[in-house]
Amino acid sequence: MKSKTIGEGVAMPRVNSLIVNYRTPELTLKCVSSILEKGVSVAEDIIVVENASPDDSAARLRDGLPAGVQLVVAERNGGFSSGINVGAAHATAPFLLVLNPDTYFIDTSISKALDRFKDSEVGLVGLDLTYPNGERQYSARRFYSVVDIVGRRTPLGKYWPLQGRIAQHMMLSAWKPGTPFEADWVMGTGFIIRRELFEAIGRMDEDYFLYMEDVDLCARVWASGSKVECVPGAVLIHDHQRASQSGALSKAGRMHLESLGVFRRKHRLPLFVPPSPHRIRRGSGTQKRAQATA
């Protein structure tokens, strides 16, 4: 595993950092600056995809990105999954670090996450997403059942017995020991995946325009025989509340439910008991795509 030594003397393997920009050039520039400052990737290994924003994002990124950073201007906005796939096509490092533009690094603790790949069974690792005030976002989850969706998308989740179900779904107790743990899926806001595995399972599924593409990707990682983990203390600051946390009737809420429908057609979505990661099943369409790209 080829590695580099970063600013604080921590040796890390080479990583391609992928950021999809859509009308957020200032956030993207801040994210890139933190990657370089903390030595997560060298400039040439940072790939910014401008996802056909209807503003001056492309020009602002061309002017503001440090020398060496790769800027790829997409021909169309095919959604987050499409943007990541466009960027990944330019990647050459053994690991892909997928980041939202509204994230940034404050230290080199990502090395804790990269260290997990010494275990050959680990295929994807989620970072410890933290709001700027220090509050943890709890970025690991169990796979969904219909009951979990009801609890997460309606006010009923605040009350017994659904309150306990939501705590289980969000894996709140798994974080308490402070050690790496297996997660059914991790939020796509910030995660690392082996590039070879990413290609073998068919990249991101572009049937998802926004939301649920991270759940789908982790399901396919588990189905491939690799593991998904999350690492407490591998901190990534996330300076934004997810719009999908709005009510089910909001635009973001409706889009999230639509993506859940796509997921249901491809994977298991039981009524009461969520599937374990070792038993998640892919739909035939997903399998064919993965086989065709492998």
C-alpha atoms as a PDB file:
ATOM      1  CA  MET A   1       0.000   0.000   0.000  1.00  0.00           C
ATOM      2  CA  LYS A   2       1.791   3.110  -1.211  1.00  0.00           C
ATOM      3  CA  SER A   3       1.655   5.841   1.425  1.00  0.00           C
ATOM      4  CA  LYS A   4       2.627   9.440   2.074  1.00  0.00           C
ATOM      5  CA  THR A   5       3.527  11.332   5.234  1.00  0.00           C
ATOM      6  CA  ILE A   6       1.271  14.293   5.994  1.00  0.00           C
ATOM      7  CA  GLY A   7       1.789  17.462   7.969  1.00  0.00           C
ATOM      8  CA  GLU A   8       1.541  15.947  11.455  1.00  0.00           C
ATOM      9  CA  GLY A   9       3.793  12.995  10.646  1.00  0.00           C
ATOM     10  CA  VAL A  10       0.948  10.540   9.955  1.00  0.00           C
ATOM     11  CA  ALA A  11       1.549   8.075   7.102  1.00  0.00           C
ATOM     12  CA  MET A  12      -1.498   7.550   4.886  1.00  0.00           C
ATOM     13  CA  PRO A  13      -2.124   5.727   1.600  1.00  0.00           C
ATOM     14  CA  ARG A  14      -2.773   7.680  -1.574  1.00  0.00           C
ATOM     15  CA  VAL A  15      -6.377   8.861  -1.871  1.00  0.00           C
ATOM     16  CA  ASN A  16      -8.380  10.521  -4.646  1.00  0.00           C
ATOM     17  CA  SER A  17     -10.717  13.068  -3.032  1.00  0.00           C
ATOM     18  CA  LEU A  18     -13.969  13.475  -5.031  1.00  0.00           C
ATOM     19  CA  ILE A  19     -16.236  16.494  -4.564  1.00  0.00           C
ATOM     20  CA  VAL A  20     -19.389  17.174  -6.601  1.00  0.00           C
ATOM     21  CA  ASN A  21     -20.210  20.885  -6.824  1.00  0.00           C
ATOM     22  CA  TYR A  22     -23.689  22.178  -7.571  1.00  0.00           C
ATOM     23  CA  ARG A  23     -24.067  25.910  -6.953  1.00  0.00           C
ATOM     24  CA  THR A  24     -21.720  25.769  -3.935  1.00  0.00           C
ATOM     25  CA  PRO A  25     -18.329  26.996  -5.219  1.00  0.00           C
ATOM     26  CA  GLU A  26     -17.295  28.761  -1.994  1.00  0.00           C
ATOM     27  CA  LEU A  27     -18.027  25.654   0.079  1.00  0.00           C
ATOM     28  CA  THR A  28     -16.155  23.503  -2.425  1.00  0.00           C
ATOM     29  CA  LEU A  29     -13.115  25.786  -2.274  1.00  0.00           C
ATOM     30  CA  LYS A  30     -13.143  25.625   1.532  1.00  0.00           C
ATOM     31  CA  CYS A  31     -13.340  21.819   1.421  1.00  0.00           C
ATOM     32  CA  VAL A  32     -10.429  21.593  -1.037  1.00  0.00           C
ATOM     33  CA  SER A  33      -8.368  23.979   1.074  1.00  0.00           C
ATOM     34  CA  SER A  34      -8.819  21.769   4.147  1.00  0.00           C
ATOM     35  CA  ILE A  35      -7.854  18.631   2.200  1.00  0.00           C
ATOM     36  CA  LEU A  36      -4.598  20.274   1.155  1.00  0.00           C
ATOM     37  CA  GLU A  37      -3.931  21.875   4.538  1.00  0.00           C
ATOM     38  CA  LYS A  38      -4.306  18.564   6.386  1.00  0.00           C
ATOM     39  CA  GLY A  39      -2.500  16.548   3.696  1.00  0.00           C
ATOM     40  CA  VAL A  40      -5.417  14.202   3.002  1.00  0.00           C
ATOM     41  CA  SER A  41      -4.668  14.312  -0.756  1.00  0.00           C
ATOM     42  CA  VAL A  42      -2.124  16.164  -2.857  1.00  0.00           C
ATOM     43  CA  ALA A  43      -3.576  18.671  -5.324  1.00  0.00           C
ATOM     44  CA  GLU A  44      -3.269  16.319  -8.303  1.00  0.00           C
ATOM     45  CA  ASP A  45      -5.347  13.690  -6.477  1.00  0.00           C
ATOM     46  CA  ILE A  46      -8.273  16.041  -5.803  1.00  0.00           C
ATOM     47  CA  ILE A  47     -11.077  15.830  -8.359  1.00  0.00           C
ATOM     48  CA  VAL A  48     -13.838  18.439  -8.368  1.00  0.00           C
ATOM     49  CA  VAL A  49     -16.848  17.749 -10.589  1.00  0.00           C
ATOM     50  CA  GLU A  50     -18.874  20.825 -11.536  1.00  0.00           C
ATOM     51  CA  ASN A  51     -22.297  19.241 -12.018  1.00  0.00           C
ATOM     52  CA  ALA A  52     -23.748  21.632 -14.637  1.00  0.00           C
ATOM     53  CA  SER A  53     -24.689  24.344 -12.136  1.00  0.00           C
ATOM     54  CA  PRO A  54     -26.946  27.071 -13.619  1.00  0.00           C
ATOM     55  CA  ASP A  55     -24.683  29.813 -12.228  1.00  0.00           C
ATOM     56  CA  ASP A  56     -21.052  30.901 -12.485  1.00  0.00           C
ATOM     57  CA  SER A  57     -19.716  27.961 -10.449  1.00  0.00           C
ATOM     58  CA  ALA A  58     -17.459  26.692 -13.233  1.00  0.00           C
ATOM     59  CA  ALA A  59     -15.769  30.071 -13.694  1.00  0.00           C
ATOM     60  CA  ARG A  60     -15.358  30.613  -9.954  1.00  0.00           C
ATOM     61  CA  LEU A  61     -13.844  27.178  -9.508  1.00  0.00           C
ATOM     62  CA  ARG A  62     -11.455  27.662 -12.427  1.00  0.00           C
ATOM     63  CA  ASP A  63     -10.278  30.902 -10.842  1.00  0.00           C
ATOM     64  CA  GLY A  64     -10.185  29.700  -7.245  1.00  0.00           C
ATOM     65  CA  LEU A  65      -8.962  26.099  -7.231  1.00  0.00           C
ATOM     66  CA  PRO A  66      -5.284  25.642  -6.354  1.00  0.00           C
ATOM     67  CA  ALA A  67      -2.895  24.610  -9.130  1.00  0.00           C
ATOM     68  CA  GLY A  68      -2.980  20.904  -9.867  1.00  0.00           C
ATOM     69  CA  VAL A  69      -6.518  20.215  -8.668  1.00  0.00           C
ATOM     70  CA  GLN A  70      -8.529  18.488 -11.392  1.00  0.00           C
ATOM     71  CA  LEU A  71     -11.727  20.295 -12.398  1.00  0.00           C
ATOM     72  CA  VAL A  72     -14.145  18.233 -14.477  1.00  0.00           C
ATOM     73  CA  VAL A  73     -17.154  20.078 -15.906  1.00  0.00           C
ATOM     74  CA  ALA A  74     -20.064  17.686 -16.442  1.00  0.00           C
ATOM     75  CA  GLU A  75     -22.169  18.084 -19.564  1.00  0.00           C
ATOM     76  CA  ARG A  76     -25.398  17.591 -17.595  1.00  0.00           C
ATOM     77  CA  ASN A  77     -26.622  17.349 -14.031  1.00  0.00           C
ATOM     78  CA  GLY A  78     -27.400  13.670 -13.678  1.00  0.00           C
ATOM     79  CA  GLY A  79     -27.535  13.865  -9.882  1.00  0.00           C
ATOM     80  CA  PHE A  80     -25.030  13.135  -7.144  1.00  0.00           C
ATOM     81  CA  SER A  81     -24.355   9.533  -8.221  1.00  0.00           C
ATOM     82  CA  SER A  82     -23.671  10.614 -11.781  1.00  0.00           C
ATOM     83  CA  GLY A  83     -21.309  13.337 -10.580  1.00  0.00           C
ATOM     84  CA  ILE A  84     -19.307  10.905  -8.449  1.00  0.00           C
ATOM     85  CA  ASN A  85     -19.064   8.469 -11.353  1.00  0.00           C
ATOM     86  CA  VAL A  86     -17.818  11.239 -13.641  1.00  0.00           C
ATOM     87  CA  GLY A  87     -15.111  12.110 -11.130  1.00  0.00           C
ATOM     88  CA  ALA A  88     -14.175   8.498 -10.402  1.00  0.00           C
ATOM     89  CA  ALA A  89     -13.447   7.956 -14.090  1.00  0.00           C
ATOM     90  CA  HIS A  90     -10.433  10.265 -13.598  1.00  0.00           C
ATOM     91  CA  ALA A  91      -9.196   8.563 -10.419  1.00  0.00           C
ATOM     92  CA  THR A  92      -5.985   6.541 -10.222  1.00  0.00           C
ATOM     93  CA  ALA A  93      -5.398   6.137  -6.465  1.00  0.00           C
ATOM     94  CA  PRO A  94      -6.257   2.897  -4.637  1.00  0.00           C
ATOM     95  CA  PHE A  95      -8.863   4.693  -2.493  1.00  0.00           C
ATOM     96  CA  LEU A  96     -11.697   7.102  -3.249  1.00  0.00           C
ATOM     97  CA  LEU A  97     -12.727   9.655  -0.641  1.00  0.00           C
ATOM     98  CA  VAL A  98     -16.238  10.893  -1.431  1.00  0.00           C
ATOM     99  CA  LEU A  99     -17.087  14.239   0.153  1.00  0.00           C
ATOM    100  CA  ASN A 100     -19.977  16.683   0.141  1.00  0.00           C
ATOM    101  CA  PRO A 101     -18.824  20.232  -0.609  1.00  0.00           C
ATOM    102  CA  ASP A 102     -20.194  21.421   2.756  1.00  0.00           C
ATOM    103  CA  THR A 103     -17.563  19.424   4.656  1.00  0.00           C
ATOM    104  CA  TYR A 104     -14.012  20.154   5.754  1.00  0.00           C
ATOM    105  CA  PHE A 105     -11.191  18.662   7.809  1.00  0.00           C
ATOM    106  CA  ILE A 106      -9.824  20.136  11.025  1.00  0.00           C
ATOM    107  CA  ASP A 107      -7.164  17.486  11.759  1.00  0.00           C
ATOM    108  CA  THR A 108      -5.564  14.319  10.382  1.00  0.00           C
ATOM    109  CA  SER A 109      -7.837  11.859  12.203  1.00  0.00           C
ATOM    110  CA  ILE A 110      -8.959  10.451   8.833  1.00  0.00           C
ATOM    111  CA  SER A 111      -5.853   8.268   9.197  1.00  0.00           C
ATOM    112  CA  LYS A 112      -7.877   6.194  11.702  1.00  0.00           C
ATOM    113  CA  ALA A 113     -10.354   5.376   8.955  1.00  0.00           C
ATOM    114  CA  LEU A 114      -7.698   4.609   6.352  1.00  0.00           C
ATOM    115  CA  ASP A 115      -5.982   2.313   8.832  1.00  0.00           C
ATOM    116  CA  ARG A 116      -9.057   0.040   8.761  1.00  0.00           C
ATOM    117  CA  PHE A 117      -8.229  -0.984   5.189  1.00  0.00           C
ATOM    118  CA  LYS A 118      -5.338  -3.058   6.523  1.00  0.00           C
ATOM    119  CA  ASP A 119      -8.141  -5.580   7.022  1.00  0.00           C
ATOM    120  CA  SER A 120      -8.672  -6.955   3.519  1.00  0.00           C
ATOM    121  CA  GLU A 121     -12.359  -7.621   4.241  1.00  0.00           C
ATOM    122  CA  VAL A 122     -13.112  -3.939   4.824  1.00  0.00           C
ATOM    123  CA  GLY A 123     -14.372  -2.366   1.609  1.00  0.00           C
ATOM    124  CA  LEU A 124     -15.954   0.934   2.675  1.00  0.00           C
ATOM    125  CA  VAL A 125     -15.405   3.115   5.750  1.00  0.00           C
ATOM    126  CA  GLY A 126     -17.589   5.981   6.933  1.00  0.00           C
ATOM    127  CA  LEU A 127     -16.162   9.029   8.692  1.00  0.00           C
ATOM    128  CA  ASP A 128     -17.332  10.519  11.986  1.00  0.00           C
ATOM    129  CA  LEU A 129     -19.503  13.385  10.734  1.00  0.00           C
ATOM    130  CA  THR A 130     -19.594  16.252  13.214  1.00  0.00           C
ATOM    131  CA  TYR A 131     -21.376  19.595  13.133  1.00  0.00           C
ATOM    132  CA  PRO A 132     -19.233  22.714  13.670  1.00  0.00           C
ATOM    133  CA  ASN A 133     -20.477  22.976  17.276  1.00  0.00           C
ATOM    134  CA  GLY A 134     -18.967  19.557  18.048  1.00  0.00           C
ATOM    135  CA  GLU A 135     -22.246  17.629  17.965  1.00  0.00           C
ATOM    136  CA  ARG A 136     -21.950  14.197  16.378  1.00  0.00           C
ATOM    137  CA  GLN A 137     -24.235  13.525  13.417  1.00  0.00           C
ATOM    138  CA  TYR A 138     -24.406   9.745  13.971  1.00  0.00           C
ATOM    139  CA  SER A 139     -23.657   8.877  10.370  1.00  0.00           C
ATOM    140  CA  ALA A 140     -24.063   5.074  10.575  1.00  0.00           C
ATOM    141  CA  ARG A 141     -27.413   3.375  10.096  1.00  0.00           C
ATOM    142  CA  ARG A 142     -29.220   0.037   9.973  1.00  0.00           C
ATOM    143  CA  PHE A 143     -31.005  -0.905   6.768  1.00  0.00           C
ATOM    144  CA  TYR A 144     -34.604   0.261   6.586  1.00  0.00           C
ATOM    145  CA  SER A 145     -37.895  -1.450   7.324  1.00  0.00           C
ATOM    146  CA  VAL A 146     -41.212   0.255   6.615  1.00  0.00           C
ATOM    147  CA  VAL A 147     -41.604   0.892  10.357  1.00  0.00           C
ATOM    148  CA  ASP A 148     -38.243   2.678  10.448  1.00  0.00           C
ATOM    149  CA  ILE A 149     -39.292   4.893   7.544  1.00  0.00           C
ATOM    150  CA  VAL A 150     -42.504   5.842   9.330  1.00  0.00           C
ATOM    151  CA  GLY A 151     -40.529   6.681  12.446  1.00  0.00           C
ATOM    152  CA  ARG A 152     -37.991   8.792  10.566  1.00  0.00           C
ATOM    153  CA  ARG A 153     -40.412  10.614   8.250  1.00  0.00           C
ATOM    154  CA  THR A 154     -43.256  11.403  10.666  1.00  0.00           C
ATOM    155  CA  PRO A 155     -43.588  12.870  14.200  1.00  0.00           C
ATOM    156  CA  LEU A 156     -44.438   9.366  15.473  1.00  0.00           C
ATOM    157  CA  GLY A 157     -40.704   8.653  15.741  1.00  0.00           C
ATOM    158  CA  LYS A 158     -40.531  10.887  18.818  1.00  0.00           C
ATOM    159  CA  TYR A 159     -42.781   8.597  20.836  1.00  0.00           C
ATOM    160  CA  TRP A 160     -42.653   5.106  22.320  1.00  0.00           C
ATOM    161  CA  PRO A 161     -42.297   2.474  20.889  1.00  0.00           C
ATOM    162  CA  LEU A 162     -40.942   3.985  17.675  1.00  0.00           C
ATOM    163  CA  GLN A 163     -38.465   6.119  19.606  1.00  0.00           C
ATOM    164  CA  GLY A 164     -36.518   3.008  20.556  1.00  0.00           C
ATOM    165  CA  ARG A 165     -36.674   1.705  16.994  1.00  0.00           C
ATOM    166  CA  ILE A 166     -35.176   4.943  15.682  1.00  0.00           C
ATOM    167  CA  ALA A 167     -32.313   4.705  18.202  1.00  0.00           C
ATOM    168  CA  GLN A 168     -31.599   1.203  16.897  1.00  0.00           C
ATOM    169  CA  HIS A 169     -31.857   2.354  13.277  1.00  0.00           C
ATOM    170  CA  MET A 170     -29.367   5.158  13.929  1.00  0.00           C
ATOM    171  CA  MET A 171     -27.020   2.769  15.780  1.00  0.00           C
ATOM    172  CA  LEU A 172     -26.605   5.235  18.665  1.00  0.00           C
ATOM    173  CA  SER A 173     -25.172   2.666  21.070  1.00  0.00           C
ATOM    174  CA  ALA A 174     -22.523   1.486  18.579  1.00  0.00           C
ATOM    175  CA  TRP A 175     -20.601   4.747  19.011  1.00  0.00           C
ATOM    176  CA  LYS A 176     -20.252   4.558  22.797  1.00  0.00           C
ATOM    177  CA  PRO A 177     -17.142   2.307  22.976  1.00  0.00           C
ATOM    178  CA  GLY A 178     -15.325   4.694  20.603  1.00  0.00           C
ATOM    179  CA  THR A 179     -13.937   1.869  18.469  1.00  0.00           C
ATOM    180  CA  PRO A 180     -14.573   0.960  14.785  1.00  0.00           C
ATOM    181  CA  PHE A 181     -17.794  -0.965  14.231  1.00  0.00           C
ATOM    182  CA  GLU A 182     -19.678  -2.603  11.379  1.00  0.00           C
ATOM    183  CA  ALA A 183     -22.548  -0.532   9.965  1.00  0.00           C
ATOM    184  CA  ASP A 184     -25.261  -1.564   7.531  1.00  0.00           C
ATOM    185  CA  TRP A 185     -24.678   1.717   5.688  1.00  0.00           C
ATOM    186  CA  VAL A 186     -23.008   5.077   6.228  1.00  0.00           C
ATOM    187  CA  MET A 187     -23.985   8.528   5.025  1.00  0.00           C
ATOM    188  CA  GLY A 188     -22.570   9.529   1.658  1.00  0.00           C
ATOM    189  CA  THR A 189     -21.512  12.914   3.053  1.00  0.00           C
ATOM    190  CA  GLY A 190     -18.062  11.495   3.740  1.00  0.00           C
ATOM    191  CA  PHE A 191     -16.754   7.969   3.182  1.00  0.00           C
ATOM    192  CA  ILE A 192     -13.794   6.061   1.737  1.00  0.00           C
ATOM    193  CA  ILE A 193     -14.054   3.061  -0.584  1.00  0.00           C
ATOM    194  CA  ARG A 194     -11.496   0.880  -2.314  1.00  0.00           C
ATOM    195  CA  ARG A 195     -11.439   2.051  -5.925  1.00  0.00           C
ATOM    196  CA  GLU A 196     -11.116  -1.501  -7.252  1.00  0.00           C
ATOM    197  CA  LEU A 197     -14.237  -2.518  -5.307  1.00  0.00           C
ATOM    198  CA  PHE A 198     -16.107   0.600  -6.454  1.00  0.00           C
ATOM    199  CA  GLU A 199     -15.488  -0.374 -10.078  1.00  0.00           C
ATOM    200  CA  ALA A 200     -16.263  -4.067  -9.516  1.00  0.00           C
ATOM    201  CA  ILE A 201     -19.727  -3.467  -8.045  1.00  0.00           C
ATOM    202  CA  GLY A 202     -20.772  -1.057 -10.790  1.00  0.00           C
ATOM    203  CA  ARG A 203     -19.939   2.362  -9.289  1.00  0.00           C
ATOM    204  CA  MET A 204     -22.779   4.546  -7.939  1.00  0.00           C
ATOM    205  CA  ASP A 205     -26.255   3.643  -9.174  1.00  0.00           C
ATOM    206  CA  GLU A 206     -27.444   6.573 -11.290  1.00  0.00           C
ATOM    207  CA  ASP A 207     -31.088   5.553 -10.924  1.00  0.00           C
ATOM    208  CA  TYR A 208     -30.901   7.620  -7.719  1.00  0.00           C
ATOM    209  CA  PHE A 209     -30.779  11.325  -8.498  1.00  0.00           C
ATOM    210  CA  LEU A 210     -30.386  12.331  -4.850  1.00  0.00           C
ATOM    211  CA  TYR A 211     -30.722  10.390  -1.555  1.00  0.00           C
ATOM    212  CA  MET A 212     -30.474   6.631  -0.943  1.00  0.00           C
ATOM    213  CA  GLU A 213     -27.530   6.221  -3.330  1.00  0.00           C
ATOM    214  CA  ASP A 214     -25.307   5.745  -0.267  1.00  0.00           C
ATOM    215  CA  VAL A 215     -27.611   3.049   1.157  1.00  0.00           C
ATOM    216  CA  ASP A 216     -27.628   1.279  -2.202  1.00  0.00           C
ATOM    217  CA  LEU A 217     -23.838   1.426  -2.533  1.00  0.00           C
ATOM    218  CA  CYS A 218     -23.306  -0.022   0.942  1.00  0.00           C
ATOM    219  CA  ALA A 219     -25.840  -2.778   0.229  1.00  0.00           C
ATOM    220  CA  ARG A 220     -23.813  -3.761  -2.836  1.00  0.00           C
ATOM    221  CA  VAL A 221     -20.566  -3.637  -0.863  1.00  0.00           C
ATOM    222  CA  TRP A 222     -22.029  -6.112   1.639  1.00  0.00           C
ATOM    223  CA  ALA A 223     -23.432  -8.261  -1.198  1.00  0.00           C
ATOM    224  CA  SER A 224     -19.954  -8.418  -2.764  1.00  0.00           C
ATOM    225  CA  GLY A 225     -18.540 -10.041   0.379  1.00  0.00           C
ATOM    226  CA  SER A 226     -16.802  -6.926   1.742  1.00  0.00           C
ATOM    227  CA  LYS A 227     -17.634  -5.098   4.962  1.00  0.00           C
ATOM    228  CA  VAL A 228     -18.838  -1.577   5.729  1.00  0.00           C
ATOM    229  CA  GLU A 229     -17.448   0.061   8.862  1.00  0.00           C
ATOM    230  CA  CYS A 230     -17.671   3.390  10.649  1.00  0.00           C
ATOM    231  CA  VAL A 231     -14.836   4.874  12.703  1.00  0.00           C
ATOM    232  CA  PRO A 232     -15.498   7.086  15.730  1.00  0.00           C
ATOM    233  CA  GLY A 233     -12.899   9.818  15.966  1.00  0.00           C
ATOM    234  CA  ALA A 234     -12.169   9.994  12.217  1.00  0.00           C
ATOM    235  CA  VAL A 235     -13.648  13.482  12.183  1.00  0.00           C
ATOM    236  CA  LEU A 236     -15.131  15.289   9.204  1.00  0.00           C
ATOM    237  CA  ILE A 237     -16.947  18.550   9.892  1.00  0.00           C
ATOM    238  CA  HIS A 238     -20.332  18.788   8.166  1.00  0.00           C
ATOM    239  CA  ASP A 239     -21.583  22.364   8.090  1.00  0.00           C
ATOM    240  CA  HIS A 240     -25.153  21.741   6.961  1.00  0.00           C
ATOM    241  CA  GLN A 241     -28.428  20.121   8.023  1.00  0.00           C
ATOM    242  CA  ARG A 242     -29.679  17.513   5.581  1.00  0.00           C
ATOM    243  CA  ALA A 243     -32.695  18.835   3.703  1.00  0.00           C
ATOM    244  CA  SER A 244     -34.255  15.354   3.701  1.00  0.00           C
ATOM    245  CA  GLN A 245     -34.847  15.770   7.441  1.00  0.00           C
ATOM    246  CA  SER A 246     -37.683  18.103   6.485  1.00  0.00           C
ATOM    247  CA  GLY A 247     -41.243  16.797   6.506  1.00  0.00           C
ATOM    248  CA  ALA A 248     -42.377  14.118   4.077  1.00  0.00           C
ATOM    249  CA  LEU A 249     -44.422  16.682   2.152  1.00  0.00           C
ATOM    250  CA  SER A 250     -41.476  19.018   1.530  1.00  0.00           C
ATOM    251  CA  LYS A 251     -39.670  18.866  -1.805  1.00  0.00           C
ATOM    252  CA  ALA A 252     -36.641  17.201  -0.230  1.00  0.00           C
ATOM    253  CA  GLY A 253     -38.859  14.832   1.741  1.00  0.00           C
ATOM    254  CA  ARG A 254     -40.747  13.780  -1.400  1.00  0.00           C
ATOM    255  CA  MET A 255     -37.481  13.226  -3.259  1.00  0.00           C
ATOM    256  CA  HIS A 256     -36.211  11.060  -0.411  1.00  0.00           C
ATOM    257  CA  LEU A 257     -39.377   8.955  -0.496  1.00  0.00           C
ATOM    258  CA  GLU A 258     -39.071   8.585  -4.269  1.00  0.00           C
ATOM    259  CA  SER A 259     -35.521   7.313  -3.831  1.00  0.00           C
ATOM    260  CA  LEU A 260     -36.769   4.898  -1.169  1.00  0.00           C
ATOM    261  CA  GLY A 261     -39.130   3.547  -3.823  1.00  0.00           C
ATOM    262  CA  VAL A 262     -36.194   2.962  -6.161  1.00  0.00           C
ATOM    263  CA  PHE A 263     -34.330   1.188  -3.356  1.00  0.00           C
ATOM    264  CA  ARG A 264     -37.362  -1.003  -2.613  1.00  0.00           C
ATOM    265  CA  ARG A 265     -37.434  -2.222  -6.228  1.00  0.00           C
ATOM    266  CA  LYS A 266     -33.766  -3.234  -6.036  1.00  0.00           C
ATOM    267  CA  HIS A 267     -33.360  -4.512  -2.470  1.00  0.00           C
ATOM    268  CA  ARG A 268     -35.288  -5.840   0.500  1.00  0.00           C
ATOM    269  CA  LEU A 269     -37.584  -3.459   2.371  1.00  0.00           C
ATOM    270  CA  PRO A 270     -39.480  -5.566   4.955  1.00  0.00           C
ATOM    271  CA  LEU A 271     -42.433  -4.303   6.949  1.00  0.00           C
ATOM    272  CA  PHE A 272     -41.053  -4.766  10.480  1.00  0.00           C
ATOM    273  CA  VAL A 273     -37.590  -6.332  10.677  1.00  0.00           C
ATOM    274  CA  PRO A 274     -34.805  -4.671   8.650  1.00  0.00           C
ATOM    275  CA  PRO A 275     -32.556  -7.097   6.752  1.00  0.00           C
ATOM    276  CA  SER A 276     -29.122  -7.801   8.204  1.00  0.00           C
ATOM    277  CA  PRO A 277     -26.174  -6.677   6.042  1.00  0.00           C
ATOM    278  CA  HIS A 278     -25.221 -10.296   5.457  1.00  0.00           C
ATOM    279  CA  ARG A 279     -28.638 -11.114   3.976  1.00  0.00           C
ATOM    280  CA  ILE A 280     -29.334  -8.003   1.893  1.00  0.00           C
ATOM    281  CA  ARG A 281     -30.279  -9.032  -1.626  1.00  0.00           C
ATOM    282  CA  ARG A 282     -29.733  -7.091  -4.794  1.00  0.00           C
ATOM    283  CA  GLY A 283     -32.343  -6.869  -7.543  1.00  0.00           C
ATOM    284  CA  SER A 284     -31.557  -8.350 -10.949  1.00  0.00           C
ATOM    285  CA  GLY A 285     -31.105  -4.921 -12.552  1.00  0.00           C
ATOM    286  CA  THR A 286     -28.379  -3.945 -10.079  1.00  0.00           C
ATOM    287  CA  GLN A 287     -26.654  -7.313 -10.507  1.00  0.00           C
ATOM    288  CA  LYS A 288     -26.574  -6.954 -14.287  1.00  0.00           C
ATOM    289  CA  ARG A 289     -25.102  -3.469 -14.076  1.00  0.00           C
ATOM    290  CA  ALA A 290     -22.409  -4.609 -11.683  1.00  0.00           C
ATOM    291  CA  GLN A 291     -21.502  -7.610 -13.851  1.00  0.00           C
ATOM    292  CA  ALA A 292     -21.384  -5.468 -16.984  1.00  0.00           C
ATOM    293  CA  THR A 293     -18.993  -2.977 -15.386  1.00  0.00           C
ATOM    294  CA  ALA A 294     -16.773  -5.434 -13.537  1.00  0.00           C
END
